[in-house]
Amino acid sequence: MWRALFLFVPVSRSAYGGCSPDAWPYATVVVDFLSPGNDEPRERRVIRWVAFVASAALVAAGLRFALHEPIVAAAVACILLAAWLGRWLSRRRLRRVLRSGDVIAVLRSWAGALDKLPYPATMAPLMAATAFAACGWIDKARAALAAAERGPVWEAALEHRLFLDTLLLTFEGDRDAALDQARRLVRLPLPRSTGVLRDRVLALRSAALALARAFAHQSEPGDDELLERASENSPLVFWAMRYAAAVVAIDRGDNGKATRLLAGAPPWPEESIFRAFHLEIEERARLAPST
């Protein structure tokens, strides 16, 4: 059974089996949805820096105020702490939802944000398709993708579409096409800005190529680290990257690591291709001795 799956990989439920600068707002949308709470692009960092300076001035004023009105100062501090804690808990809940594998919960958590996306007729279906693909719901992802409005916005969202195509073609078992799309993705121009956004885009592109190589059994040294790092930094694709890393581990004879990578996986529904991936990888890890 394993040999057949390993060699032929039909389009089935088997685990083995030029972008312009104007497009960058859409790449940023993808990065923000995949990696909520991570470092922000330069424009947002400038705003946050200004806010930091202002907050430092307020802290200094608050210290002076506390000397004269300690009770009032303590109350204000408690309010600020509660606001910060609420924001931190909200982001933590969102990351937990994104890593849950529950695509319905993911879409529900995005409901408000999707409504506010620019060009929703194109971008909302693209984001929905990304959520479905990241949870292994291939048919639903294809349907959402088909519903996206074509036009200038569709063309500008090339980064997003290539990332999504890489996921879908990989999970459908079309190895060559997945590798082609992933290589197109990594060859796209990078954003003009340096720093966090550029690094995050590079990391996602490299991880997408590593994922395609993993399922094609053509992994390269360092791919396992790329995939595991991407799973931690981009919670929406946590399980997609974990399954790819598990494939790499099995190919290298480290079945114990493959098992550890899948620890805590949710009970995937029939609609998700990850259900078949999980069962097959578990079987392989159990039957073949580690080297």
C-alpha atoms as a PDB file:
ATOM      1  CA  MET A   1       0.000   0.000   0.000  1.00  0.00           C
ATOM      2  CA  TRP A   2       2.692   2.460   1.001  1.00  0.00           C
ATOM      3  CA  ARG A   3       4.777   1.631  -2.042  1.00  0.00           C
ATOM      4  CA  ALA A   4       1.864   2.337  -4.357  1.00  0.00           C
ATOM      5  CA  LEU A   5       1.101   5.627  -2.661  1.00  0.00           C
ATOM      6  CA  PHE A   6       4.747   6.570  -2.557  1.00  0.00           C
ATOM      7  CA  LEU A   7       5.418   5.936  -6.247  1.00  0.00           C
ATOM      8  CA  PHE A   8       2.312   7.067  -8.056  1.00  0.00           C
ATOM      9  CA  VAL A   9       0.533   9.685  -5.967  1.00  0.00           C
ATOM     10  CA  PRO A  10      -2.671  10.115  -8.010  1.00  0.00           C
ATOM     11  CA  VAL A  11      -4.877  13.157  -7.569  1.00  0.00           C
ATOM     12  CA  SER A  12      -6.444  11.656  -4.491  1.00  0.00           C
ATOM     13  CA  ARG A  13      -6.457  11.860  -0.740  1.00  0.00           C
ATOM     14  CA  SER A  14      -2.898  10.677  -0.194  1.00  0.00           C
ATOM     15  CA  ALA A  15      -0.173  12.423   1.751  1.00  0.00           C
ATOM     16  CA  TYR A  16       2.432  10.855  -0.501  1.00  0.00           C
ATOM     17  CA  GLY A  17       1.158  11.133  -3.301  1.00  0.00           C
ATOM     18  CA  GLY A  18       5.629  39.029 -12.545  1.00  0.00           C
ATOM     19  CA  CYS A  19       4.225  40.810  -9.631  1.00  0.00           C
ATOM     20  CA  SER A  20       4.139  44.647  -9.669  1.00  0.00           C
ATOM     21  CA  PRO A  21       4.812  46.819  -6.594  1.00  0.00           C
ATOM     22  CA  ASP A  22       1.096  47.676  -6.626  1.00  0.00           C
ATOM     23  CA  ALA A  23       0.384  44.088  -5.601  1.00  0.00           C
ATOM     24  CA  TRP A  24       2.088  44.474  -2.250  1.00  0.00           C
ATOM     25  CA  PRO A  25      -0.982  45.638  -0.313  1.00  0.00           C
ATOM     26  CA  TYR A  26      -2.465  42.230  -1.116  1.00  0.00           C
ATOM     27  CA  ALA A  27       0.677  40.400  -0.038  1.00  0.00           C
ATOM     28  CA  THR A  28       0.463  42.328   3.222  1.00  0.00           C
ATOM     29  CA  VAL A  29      -3.146  41.224   3.655  1.00  0.00           C
ATOM     30  CA  VAL A  30      -2.052  37.596   3.275  1.00  0.00           C
ATOM     31  CA  VAL A  31       0.797  37.971   5.742  1.00  0.00           C
ATOM     32  CA  ASP A  32      -1.425  39.708   8.294  1.00  0.00           C
ATOM     33  CA  PHE A  33      -4.081  36.998   8.127  1.00  0.00           C
ATOM     34  CA  LEU A  34      -1.540  34.165   8.251  1.00  0.00           C
ATOM     35  CA  SER A  35       0.546  35.677  11.020  1.00  0.00           C
ATOM     36  CA  PRO A  36      -1.623  37.779  13.342  1.00  0.00           C
ATOM     37  CA  GLY A  37       0.256  39.455  16.134  1.00  0.00           C
ATOM     38  CA  ASN A  38       3.678  39.172  14.510  1.00  0.00           C
ATOM     39  CA  ASP A  39       5.842  42.199  13.733  1.00  0.00           C
ATOM     40  CA  GLU A  40       4.286  44.792  11.463  1.00  0.00           C
ATOM     41  CA  PRO A  41       5.276  46.569   8.232  1.00  0.00           C
ATOM     42  CA  ARG A  42       7.263  49.804   8.341  1.00  0.00           C
ATOM     43  CA  GLU A  43       4.282  52.160   8.191  1.00  0.00           C
ATOM     44  CA  ARG A  44       2.661  50.524  11.170  1.00  0.00           C
ATOM     45  CA  ARG A  45       5.959  50.394  13.024  1.00  0.00           C
ATOM     46  CA  VAL A  46       6.328  54.180  12.591  1.00  0.00           C
ATOM     47  CA  ILE A  47       2.892  54.672  14.096  1.00  0.00           C
ATOM     48  CA  ARG A  48       3.749  52.309  16.927  1.00  0.00           C
ATOM     49  CA  TRP A  49       7.040  54.145  17.512  1.00  0.00           C
ATOM     50  CA  VAL A  50       5.227  57.475  17.773  1.00  0.00           C
ATOM     51  CA  ALA A  51       2.733  55.851  20.130  1.00  0.00           C
ATOM     52  CA  PHE A  52       5.624  54.480  22.188  1.00  0.00           C
ATOM     53  CA  VAL A  53       7.215  57.923  22.526  1.00  0.00           C
ATOM     54  CA  ALA A  54       3.874  59.406  23.501  1.00  0.00           C
ATOM     55  CA  SER A  55       3.275  56.626  26.017  1.00  0.00           C
ATOM     56  CA  ALA A  56       6.719  57.198  27.512  1.00  0.00           C
ATOM     57  CA  ALA A  57       5.849  60.867  28.002  1.00  0.00           C
ATOM     58  CA  LEU A  58       2.567  59.862  29.580  1.00  0.00           C
ATOM     59  CA  VAL A  59       4.360  57.466  31.905  1.00  0.00           C
ATOM     60  CA  ALA A  60       6.695  60.245  33.011  1.00  0.00           C
ATOM     61  CA  ALA A  61       3.725  62.536  33.619  1.00  0.00           C
ATOM     62  CA  GLY A  62       1.949  59.693  35.381  1.00  0.00           C
ATOM     63  CA  LEU A  63       4.842  59.207  37.777  1.00  0.00           C
ATOM     64  CA  ARG A  64       4.723  62.858  38.722  1.00  0.00           C
ATOM     65  CA  PHE A  65       0.953  62.631  39.104  1.00  0.00           C
ATOM     66  CA  ALA A  66       1.267  59.501  41.250  1.00  0.00           C
ATOM     67  CA  LEU A  67       3.302  61.391  43.795  1.00  0.00           C
ATOM     68  CA  HIS A  68       0.371  63.737  44.384  1.00  0.00           C
ATOM     69  CA  GLU A  69      -2.674  61.512  43.632  1.00  0.00           C
ATOM     70  CA  PRO A  70      -1.603  57.894  44.230  1.00  0.00           C
ATOM     71  CA  ILE A  71      -5.127  56.444  44.383  1.00  0.00           C
ATOM     72  CA  VAL A  72      -6.221  58.034  41.100  1.00  0.00           C
ATOM     73  CA  ALA A  73      -2.935  57.018  39.470  1.00  0.00           C
ATOM     74  CA  ALA A  74      -3.420  53.427  40.604  1.00  0.00           C
ATOM     75  CA  ALA A  75      -6.926  53.358  39.145  1.00  0.00           C
ATOM     76  CA  VAL A  76      -5.680  54.671  35.795  1.00  0.00           C
ATOM     77  CA  ALA A  77      -2.885  52.100  35.785  1.00  0.00           C
ATOM     78  CA  CYS A  78      -5.398  49.318  36.391  1.00  0.00           C
ATOM     79  CA  ILE A  79      -7.547  50.511  33.499  1.00  0.00           C
ATOM     80  CA  LEU A  80      -4.557  50.598  31.154  1.00  0.00           C
ATOM     81  CA  LEU A  81      -3.416  47.170  32.313  1.00  0.00           C
ATOM     82  CA  ALA A  82      -6.895  45.735  31.746  1.00  0.00           C
ATOM     83  CA  ALA A  83      -6.980  47.190  28.211  1.00  0.00           C
ATOM     84  CA  TRP A  84      -3.558  45.730  27.372  1.00  0.00           C
ATOM     85  CA  LEU A  85      -4.486  42.352  28.875  1.00  0.00           C
ATOM     86  CA  GLY A  86      -7.727  42.265  26.879  1.00  0.00           C
ATOM     87  CA  ARG A  87      -5.853  42.895  23.631  1.00  0.00           C
ATOM     88  CA  TRP A  88      -3.253  40.233  24.475  1.00  0.00           C
ATOM     89  CA  LEU A  89      -5.932  37.656  25.302  1.00  0.00           C
ATOM     90  CA  SER A  90      -7.816  38.483  22.100  1.00  0.00           C
ATOM     91  CA  ARG A  91      -4.733  37.850  19.958  1.00  0.00           C
ATOM     92  CA  ARG A  92      -3.996  34.657  21.856  1.00  0.00           C
ATOM     93  CA  ARG A  93      -7.536  33.408  21.255  1.00  0.00           C
ATOM     94  CA  LEU A  94      -7.231  34.223  17.562  1.00  0.00           C
ATOM     95  CA  ARG A  95      -3.964  32.288  17.245  1.00  0.00           C
ATOM     96  CA  ARG A  96      -5.588  29.344  19.031  1.00  0.00           C
ATOM     97  CA  VAL A  97      -8.522  29.402  16.602  1.00  0.00           C
ATOM     98  CA  LEU A  98      -6.206  29.576  13.584  1.00  0.00           C
ATOM     99  CA  ARG A  99      -4.241  26.573  14.845  1.00  0.00           C
ATOM    100  CA  SER A 100      -7.349  24.583  15.729  1.00  0.00           C
ATOM    101  CA  GLY A 101      -7.935  23.187  12.241  1.00  0.00           C
ATOM    102  CA  ASP A 102     -11.601  24.216  12.568  1.00  0.00           C
ATOM    103  CA  VAL A 103     -12.127  26.098   9.307  1.00  0.00           C
ATOM    104  CA  ILE A 104     -15.655  27.162  10.253  1.00  0.00           C
ATOM    105  CA  ALA A 105     -14.341  28.774  13.449  1.00  0.00           C
ATOM    106  CA  VAL A 106     -11.554  30.444  11.457  1.00  0.00           C
ATOM    107  CA  LEU A 107     -13.993  31.952   8.973  1.00  0.00           C
ATOM    108  CA  ARG A 108     -16.269  33.036  11.801  1.00  0.00           C
ATOM    109  CA  SER A 109     -13.364  34.804  13.516  1.00  0.00           C
ATOM    110  CA  TRP A 110     -12.570  36.584  10.246  1.00  0.00           C
ATOM    111  CA  ALA A 111     -16.169  37.591   9.480  1.00  0.00           C
ATOM    112  CA  GLY A 112     -15.807  41.239  10.421  1.00  0.00           C
ATOM    113  CA  ALA A 113     -12.387  41.636   8.839  1.00  0.00           C
ATOM    114  CA  LEU A 114     -13.437  40.031   5.547  1.00  0.00           C
ATOM    115  CA  ASP A 115     -16.301  42.486   5.221  1.00  0.00           C
ATOM    116  CA  LYS A 116     -13.837  45.385   5.488  1.00  0.00           C
ATOM    117  CA  LEU A 117     -11.280  44.086   2.985  1.00  0.00           C
ATOM    118  CA  PRO A 118     -10.647  46.266  -0.062  1.00  0.00           C
ATOM    119  CA  TYR A 119     -12.239  44.840  -3.216  1.00  0.00           C
ATOM    120  CA  PRO A 120     -14.238  42.200  -1.277  1.00  0.00           C
ATOM    121  CA  ALA A 121     -15.596  40.508  -4.419  1.00  0.00           C
ATOM    122  CA  THR A 122     -12.062  39.289  -5.096  1.00  0.00           C
ATOM    123  CA  MET A 123     -10.245  39.320  -1.776  1.00  0.00           C
ATOM    124  CA  ALA A 124     -12.944  37.780   0.462  1.00  0.00           C
ATOM    125  CA  PRO A 125     -13.225  34.575  -1.640  1.00  0.00           C
ATOM    126  CA  LEU A 126      -9.425  34.408  -1.872  1.00  0.00           C
ATOM    127  CA  MET A 127      -9.104  34.576   1.903  1.00  0.00           C
ATOM    128  CA  ALA A 128     -11.892  32.003   2.347  1.00  0.00           C
ATOM    129  CA  ALA A 129     -10.144  29.716  -0.145  1.00  0.00           C
ATOM    130  CA  THR A 130      -6.895  30.132   1.800  1.00  0.00           C
ATOM    131  CA  ALA A 131      -8.623  29.141   5.037  1.00  0.00           C
ATOM    132  CA  PHE A 132     -10.185  26.066   3.429  1.00  0.00           C
ATOM    133  CA  ALA A 133      -6.892  25.037   1.793  1.00  0.00           C
ATOM    134  CA  ALA A 134      -4.940  25.532   5.034  1.00  0.00           C
ATOM    135  CA  CYS A 135      -7.326  23.101   6.741  1.00  0.00           C
ATOM    136  CA  GLY A 136      -7.261  20.587   3.902  1.00  0.00           C
ATOM    137  CA  TRP A 137     -10.762  21.265   2.526  1.00  0.00           C
ATOM    138  CA  ILE A 138      -9.690  21.096  -1.115  1.00  0.00           C
ATOM    139  CA  ASP A 139     -13.125  21.026  -2.783  1.00  0.00           C
ATOM    140  CA  LYS A 140     -14.388  23.977  -0.746  1.00  0.00           C
ATOM    141  CA  ALA A 141     -11.195  25.889  -1.458  1.00  0.00           C
ATOM    142  CA  ARG A 142     -11.590  25.347  -5.199  1.00  0.00           C
ATOM    143  CA  ALA A 143     -15.227  26.466  -5.036  1.00  0.00           C
ATOM    144  CA  ALA A 144     -14.317  29.638  -3.132  1.00  0.00           C
ATOM    145  CA  LEU A 145     -11.506  30.354  -5.576  1.00  0.00           C
ATOM    146  CA  ALA A 146     -13.878  29.971  -8.519  1.00  0.00           C
ATOM    147  CA  ALA A 147     -16.213  32.521  -6.932  1.00  0.00           C
ATOM    148  CA  ALA A 148     -13.552  35.240  -6.762  1.00  0.00           C
ATOM    149  CA  GLU A 149     -14.122  38.098  -9.194  1.00  0.00           C
ATOM    150  CA  ARG A 150     -11.482  38.301 -11.928  1.00  0.00           C
ATOM    151  CA  GLY A 151      -9.982  41.584 -13.030  1.00  0.00           C
ATOM    152  CA  PRO A 152      -7.156  43.974 -12.106  1.00  0.00           C
ATOM    153  CA  VAL A 153      -7.348  43.104  -8.395  1.00  0.00           C
ATOM    154  CA  TRP A 154      -7.163  39.388  -9.178  1.00  0.00           C
ATOM    155  CA  GLU A 155      -4.058  40.001 -11.298  1.00  0.00           C
ATOM    156  CA  ALA A 156      -2.481  42.170  -8.600  1.00  0.00           C
ATOM    157  CA  ALA A 157      -3.001  39.439  -5.996  1.00  0.00           C
ATOM    158  CA  LEU A 158      -0.478  37.183  -7.746  1.00  0.00           C
ATOM    159  CA  GLU A 159       1.515  36.533  -4.567  1.00  0.00           C
ATOM    160  CA  HIS A 160      -1.606  35.316  -2.819  1.00  0.00           C
ATOM    161  CA  ARG A 161      -2.779  33.168  -5.716  1.00  0.00           C
ATOM    162  CA  LEU A 162       0.590  31.458  -6.177  1.00  0.00           C
ATOM    163  CA  PHE A 163       0.765  30.650  -2.461  1.00  0.00           C
ATOM    164  CA  LEU A 164      -2.753  29.237  -2.580  1.00  0.00           C
ATOM    165  CA  ASP A 165      -2.079  27.297  -5.785  1.00  0.00           C
ATOM    166  CA  THR A 166       0.994  25.739  -4.197  1.00  0.00           C
ATOM    167  CA  LEU A 167      -1.074  24.466  -1.268  1.00  0.00           C
ATOM    168  CA  LEU A 168      -3.917  23.147  -3.410  1.00  0.00           C
ATOM    169  CA  LEU A 169      -1.782  21.456  -6.071  1.00  0.00           C
ATOM    170  CA  THR A 170       0.403  19.894  -3.396  1.00  0.00           C
ATOM    171  CA  PHE A 171      -2.555  18.452  -1.518  1.00  0.00           C
ATOM    172  CA  GLU A 172      -4.162  17.261  -4.748  1.00  0.00           C
ATOM    173  CA  GLY A 173      -1.028  15.300  -5.561  1.00  0.00           C
ATOM    174  CA  ASP A 174       0.064  17.277  -8.622  1.00  0.00           C
ATOM    175  CA  ARG A 175       3.723  17.401  -7.644  1.00  0.00           C
ATOM    176  CA  ASP A 176       5.202  19.003 -10.742  1.00  0.00           C
ATOM    177  CA  ALA A 177       2.583  21.748 -10.981  1.00  0.00           C
ATOM    178  CA  ALA A 178       2.936  22.507  -7.265  1.00  0.00           C
ATOM    179  CA  LEU A 179       6.706  22.830  -7.585  1.00  0.00           C
ATOM    180  CA  ASP A 180       6.317  25.066 -10.627  1.00  0.00           C
ATOM    181  CA  GLN A 181       3.970  27.423  -8.797  1.00  0.00           C
ATOM    182  CA  ALA A 182       6.162  27.465  -5.697  1.00  0.00           C
ATOM    183  CA  ARG A 183       9.215  28.337  -7.793  1.00  0.00           C
ATOM    184  CA  ARG A 184       7.266  31.128  -9.479  1.00  0.00           C
ATOM    185  CA  LEU A 185       6.350  32.365  -6.024  1.00  0.00           C
ATOM    186  CA  VAL A 186       9.935  32.565  -4.746  1.00  0.00           C
ATOM    187  CA  ARG A 187      11.037  34.359  -7.935  1.00  0.00           C
ATOM    188  CA  LEU A 188       8.556  37.214  -7.521  1.00  0.00           C
ATOM    189  CA  PRO A 189      10.005  40.665  -6.784  1.00  0.00           C
ATOM    190  CA  LEU A 190      10.265  41.514  -3.114  1.00  0.00           C
ATOM    191  CA  PRO A 191       8.671  44.582  -1.516  1.00  0.00           C
ATOM    192  CA  ARG A 192      10.815  47.691  -1.721  1.00  0.00           C
ATOM    193  CA  SER A 193      10.822  48.095   2.034  1.00  0.00           C
ATOM    194  CA  THR A 194      13.391  46.244   4.072  1.00  0.00           C
ATOM    195  CA  GLY A 195      12.949  44.665   7.453  1.00  0.00           C
ATOM    196  CA  VAL A 196      10.026  42.783   8.919  1.00  0.00           C
ATOM    197  CA  LEU A 197       7.613  42.625   5.966  1.00  0.00           C
ATOM    198  CA  ARG A 198      10.351  41.528   3.580  1.00  0.00           C
ATOM    199  CA  ASP A 199      11.534  38.846   6.013  1.00  0.00           C
ATOM    200  CA  ARG A 200       8.016  37.538   6.568  1.00  0.00           C
ATOM    201  CA  VAL A 201       7.291  37.362   2.843  1.00  0.00           C
ATOM    202  CA  LEU A 202      10.583  35.546   2.225  1.00  0.00           C
ATOM    203  CA  ALA A 203       9.835  33.089   5.039  1.00  0.00           C
ATOM    204  CA  LEU A 204       6.359  32.256   3.700  1.00  0.00           C
ATOM    205  CA  ARG A 205       7.637  31.823   0.159  1.00  0.00           C
ATOM    206  CA  SER A 206      10.478  29.566   1.276  1.00  0.00           C
ATOM    207  CA  ALA A 207       8.115  27.516   3.417  1.00  0.00           C
ATOM    208  CA  ALA A 208       5.686  27.078   0.502  1.00  0.00           C
ATOM    209  CA  LEU A 209       8.507  25.759  -1.685  1.00  0.00           C
ATOM    210  CA  ALA A 210       9.698  23.492   1.124  1.00  0.00           C
ATOM    211  CA  LEU A 211       6.146  22.147   1.497  1.00  0.00           C
ATOM    212  CA  ALA A 212       5.909  21.362  -2.229  1.00  0.00           C
ATOM    213  CA  ARG A 213       9.330  19.664  -2.129  1.00  0.00           C
ATOM    214  CA  ALA A 214       8.346  17.645   0.937  1.00  0.00           C
ATOM    215  CA  PHE A 215       5.265  16.099  -0.677  1.00  0.00           C
ATOM    216  CA  ALA A 216       7.266  15.485  -3.863  1.00  0.00           C
ATOM    217  CA  HIS A 217       9.919  13.689  -1.737  1.00  0.00           C
ATOM    218  CA  GLN A 218      12.567  16.120  -2.928  1.00  0.00           C
ATOM    219  CA  SER A 219      13.298  17.877   0.360  1.00  0.00           C
ATOM    220  CA  GLU A 220      16.576  19.683   0.806  1.00  0.00           C
ATOM    221  CA  PRO A 221      18.711  20.206   3.936  1.00  0.00           C
ATOM    222  CA  GLY A 222      17.039  22.747   6.192  1.00  0.00           C
ATOM    223  CA  ASP A 223      13.532  22.216   4.810  1.00  0.00           C
ATOM    224  CA  ASP A 224      12.383  20.618   8.055  1.00  0.00           C
ATOM    225  CA  GLU A 225      13.472  23.687  10.018  1.00  0.00           C
ATOM    226  CA  LEU A 226      11.806  26.017   7.509  1.00  0.00           C
ATOM    227  CA  LEU A 227       8.527  24.130   7.809  1.00  0.00           C
ATOM    228  CA  GLU A 228       8.540  23.958  11.593  1.00  0.00           C
ATOM    229  CA  ARG A 229       9.408  27.636  11.888  1.00  0.00           C
ATOM    230  CA  ALA A 230       6.616  28.550   9.461  1.00  0.00           C
ATOM    231  CA  SER A 231       4.149  26.474  11.473  1.00  0.00           C
ATOM    232  CA  GLU A 232       4.950  28.518  14.563  1.00  0.00           C
ATOM    233  CA  ASN A 233       5.040  31.924  12.877  1.00  0.00           C
ATOM    234  CA  SER A 234       1.964  31.481  10.658  1.00  0.00           C
ATOM    235  CA  PRO A 235      -0.729  29.774  12.727  1.00  0.00           C
ATOM    236  CA  LEU A 236      -3.265  29.449   9.905  1.00  0.00           C
ATOM    237  CA  VAL A 237      -0.942  27.058   8.038  1.00  0.00           C
ATOM    238  CA  PHE A 238       0.281  25.394  11.231  1.00  0.00           C
ATOM    239  CA  TRP A 239      -0.995  21.932  10.320  1.00  0.00           C
ATOM    240  CA  ALA A 240      -0.184  22.179   6.628  1.00  0.00           C
ATOM    241  CA  MET A 241       3.442  22.861   7.504  1.00  0.00           C
ATOM    242  CA  ARG A 242       3.459  20.207  10.230  1.00  0.00           C
ATOM    243  CA  TYR A 243       2.267  17.485   7.867  1.00  0.00           C
ATOM    244  CA  ALA A 244       4.918  18.514   5.342  1.00  0.00           C
ATOM    245  CA  ALA A 245       7.568  18.394   8.073  1.00  0.00           C
ATOM    246  CA  ALA A 246       6.308  14.940   9.091  1.00  0.00           C
ATOM    247  CA  VAL A 247       6.701  13.722   5.504  1.00  0.00           C
ATOM    248  CA  VAL A 248      10.286  15.007   5.516  1.00  0.00           C
ATOM    249  CA  ALA A 249      10.939  13.241   8.826  1.00  0.00           C
ATOM    250  CA  ILE A 250       9.641   9.908   7.506  1.00  0.00           C
ATOM    251  CA  ASP A 251      11.633  10.242   4.296  1.00  0.00           C
ATOM    252  CA  ARG A 252      14.719  10.669   6.466  1.00  0.00           C
ATOM    253  CA  GLY A 253      13.817   7.705   8.646  1.00  0.00           C
ATOM    254  CA  ASP A 254      12.995   9.741  11.761  1.00  0.00           C
ATOM    255  CA  ASN A 255       9.564   8.259  12.444  1.00  0.00           C
ATOM    256  CA  GLY A 256       9.613   9.332  16.078  1.00  0.00           C
ATOM    257  CA  LYS A 257       9.885  12.973  15.031  1.00  0.00           C
ATOM    258  CA  ALA A 258       7.035  12.507  12.558  1.00  0.00           C
ATOM    259  CA  THR A 259       4.841  11.209  15.367  1.00  0.00           C
ATOM    260  CA  ARG A 260       5.778  14.125  17.613  1.00  0.00           C
ATOM    261  CA  LEU A 261       4.981  16.638  14.885  1.00  0.00           C
ATOM    262  CA  LEU A 262       1.450  15.271  14.622  1.00  0.00           C
ATOM    263  CA  ALA A 263       0.826  15.263  18.372  1.00  0.00           C
ATOM    264  CA  GLY A 264      -2.293  17.240  19.245  1.00  0.00           C
ATOM    265  CA  ALA A 265      -3.746  17.164  15.744  1.00  0.00           C
ATOM    266  CA  PRO A 266      -7.528  17.668  15.709  1.00  0.00           C
ATOM    267  CA  PRO A 267      -9.933  14.944  14.575  1.00  0.00           C
ATOM    268  CA  TRP A 268     -10.119  15.948  10.929  1.00  0.00           C
ATOM    269  CA  PRO A 269     -13.520  15.648   9.235  1.00  0.00           C
ATOM    270  CA  GLU A 270     -14.044  13.653   6.049  1.00  0.00           C
ATOM    271  CA  GLU A 271     -13.978  16.872   4.018  1.00  0.00           C
ATOM    272  CA  SER A 272     -10.351  17.474   4.962  1.00  0.00           C
ATOM    273  CA  ILE A 273      -7.546  15.736   3.106  1.00  0.00           C
ATOM    274  CA  PHE A 274      -5.547  15.978   6.329  1.00  0.00           C
ATOM    275  CA  ARG A 275      -7.601  13.086   7.698  1.00  0.00           C
ATOM    276  CA  ALA A 276      -6.082  10.740   5.104  1.00  0.00           C
ATOM    277  CA  PHE A 277      -2.651  12.319   5.497  1.00  0.00           C
ATOM    278  CA  HIS A 278      -2.729  11.769   9.239  1.00  0.00           C
ATOM    279  CA  LEU A 279      -3.779   8.131   9.037  1.00  0.00           C
ATOM    280  CA  GLU A 280      -1.202   7.329   6.380  1.00  0.00           C
ATOM    281  CA  ILE A 281       1.700   9.058   8.114  1.00  0.00           C
ATOM    282  CA  GLU A 282       0.786   7.424  11.419  1.00  0.00           C
ATOM    283  CA  GLU A 283       0.696   4.016   9.751  1.00  0.00           C
ATOM    284  CA  ARG A 284       4.034   4.591   8.077  1.00  0.00           C
ATOM    285  CA  ALA A 285       5.631   5.786  11.302  1.00  0.00           C
ATOM    286  CA  ARG A 286       4.310   2.737  13.152  1.00  0.00           C
ATOM    287  CA  LEU A 287       5.294   0.106  10.606  1.00  0.00           C
ATOM    288  CA  ALA A 288       8.759   1.310   9.601  1.00  0.00           C
ATOM    289  CA  PRO A 289      11.550   1.327  12.226  1.00  0.00           C
ATOM    290  CA  SER A 290      13.375   4.607  12.758  1.00  0.00           C
ATOM    291  CA  THR A 291      16.949   4.839  11.577  1.00  0.00           C
END
